[in-house]
């Protein structure tokens, strides 16, 4: 730390003069960056951000100690580094890499922020704007909509560190703190959306760097029949009267919005600015579901099926789709969600498929047919069957037994006139015959029929009818489960107890009990008034289960041929997404439009058209779909264009991808990554009248991609970006950075695309210079550098 210097200033002098004087007295070179701090009487320091105010306005008094801090060569500030990092700083300053090839440390679920920052950092004209300190002259400290210049200065510090070439990776802690201070939704370390952070950052940078210091009131005017060019020019001028910044210059465009009243036909035309395009992805109206079909024939193993059903369909549609594979009538099917060896829910045919999630285990059971009532028909009861095993308790009381559910539950059709415990035992023994061995004559019991005593008939389930109420114990024990148990059906003609050779006093393999819907408690009787659906538990003694129950066979299933089919989603062209963005749509009921002619809100038709495009075009692919009925992430592959007018994928004419192309072991062809994703031609989408010489204003090159891997609840963000200096593509995964080729960029994870207009790239190349940025100031935390006394 140098010896303090004393200087005299008038109260009308600017703080910038104080900084300039300090730089002269301490012999700071023009290439070095500096900033000022005010040292309080308590010894703490406060950042003096706005150097354009006077000494009086900055509240600088006689004898005030002002600290000037000089930025390190690697873009960091001494005040922002812990005291024990001096050796690390020396190592970083000795490191010299490619500017811009710098990772960002994940602070804890901050990959979304890192991805957005890496994309924005690789927008050439914006990065040059900060590296050349042009932002210092445009910092807006008095904008009530801004962040007092703090977001802009924090971002500038981050860019300078990343592009210093002295860091392999940096810790964006200061920037994260600033973002959380001004946007509470980003406080803490929860996962967020990179596009949402990007939207906030662009808006914050715009307001911090807005050249308009005092915004005037501008009345928005409708077209009222005037020519589009006149209305568009007026709208853009009005926008620039209130919003004029490097963000507007770089990212803002203009689209035309047309609303038509469905009643009176009134047409409203307005032109509105945009900062990015959020384009929808074509959504399939079909859904693929995997289910297990359980036949009434016990010899058949359960079959796994992959079914294609309407996304907004009903349970009945699922049964119809399965009927095409099995030949079983949909009326003889019942659909259930099985979880933890019990029925989590048994569905009604009219329920929506949206209530079934992809991770649910769905079983579809064949039951007896549901024909109309006739002379030869009789009621069948559909009984849910659970399997339980008695387990001795692990305590001194050996008489206590626990019960544990196992295996897959069943839905079994039983004729109502055969609802006796003995008949049900034999029906279930038949249904389990594939994996339950029947006892031989050697297993006869000498007369132990305790399981049948006082159980000549099954307790009546209370005249159960279709749509009967759920089990009363359900509200206390678990989720809802409802069975259409009282449906009438013809006689079950499958082999039953009447066809088996009967022998008296044969030992029973298991006992039967009535239980609640969770299978956790026995119920000895049913209340006739509750119309409760009976659930039956098959209870096994451990020794009997081990001897007669084949667990391997019980868990076995077969895959239907349809499971082997790979259902690939057709890739989507980016053109399709843009066409959807410009398609006519009808407003939703929650967002009607007020028609000035009808004097009431109307569900008008709305159409958006592109009128003027920005230098850097951000395209946000709306992969996250939220509706009243479902939430999902669309993993559709979106193909980027390569040649002018060609939207059909990656392989362009005469171009072969990959490192080697048959040149032998030593030959390789390297394709410049930044010159392959060329010519995103928007001329066919821009409705503003064009002339042939201006068509180049609608051709763009890809420069960055923000990726999202994972689903709705969790995921990870990364970035592909093209370095403006080397022209090489790199993959940024938090603190890790690695070079890549173009054929690695296109994936189902692509989420936000950054395109640069080709004429801008040519302009930047001609303006390129090797001059170092001039010295200046920025924002941070308490310093430890040179002192200047202000008298």
Foldseek 3Di string as FASTA:
>chain_A
DDDFAADADDQQAFLVVVVVVVCVVVVPDFQKFKFKWWQDPVRFIDGPQDRGGGNVVSVPDFFTWMFMWIADLLLHTPQFDDPPCPVVVVQLQVAAAAALQFFEFQPALCLLVRFLLSAVLQPVVVLCCLQQPVLSVQFAQQQPQELSLFLVQLSSSVSSNRRSRSHLYDYSPVNLVSCCVVPVVSPDRDHDHSVVVNVVSLSRNQSRRFNQRDQDDDDFDWCVPPDPVVQQVVQVVNCNSGTDGVLCQFFKFKWKKWWAFPPPRDITIHIDIDRAAAFEDDDDQKDWAWAWEAEQQLQAFIAIFIFIFGQFAFQLRVLVRVCVVVVDDSQQKWKFFDDQQATQATDDRGHTPLVDDRPTHMYIYGEFGQDDDDPQWAWKFWAKEWEWEWAADPDPPRVDTAIHTDFHIHTYIGGPVQQFQVQVLFSVCSSQVNFFPDDDPVQFDPQPPVLRPPGGGDADLQQAAAPADEFPCDVVPHHTYDDRGGRIHHDDPPDGPVPDDDDPRGDRQWHKFWDHRVRRDGDPHHDNVRSYRTHMYTYGYPVSCVVTGHPVSSPDYYYDPNVPDDDDDDAAFPVVRVVSLFDKDWADPVDFDQDPVVRGTGRIIMGMAGATGHQKHKYFYPQWDDDPSHTWGHLHFYAAAFDAPGRDHQDDPPDDDDFDDPPPPPDGDDDQQQNGSWFPQCPVRHPHDDDPVCSLQRIWTWAKFWFWADIDNDTRIWMWGQRLPPSWIWIHRRRDIDTDHNVVPGGSGGGMTMIGRPVVSVVVVVVDDDDRRTYYHGDDGGHDRHMYRYD
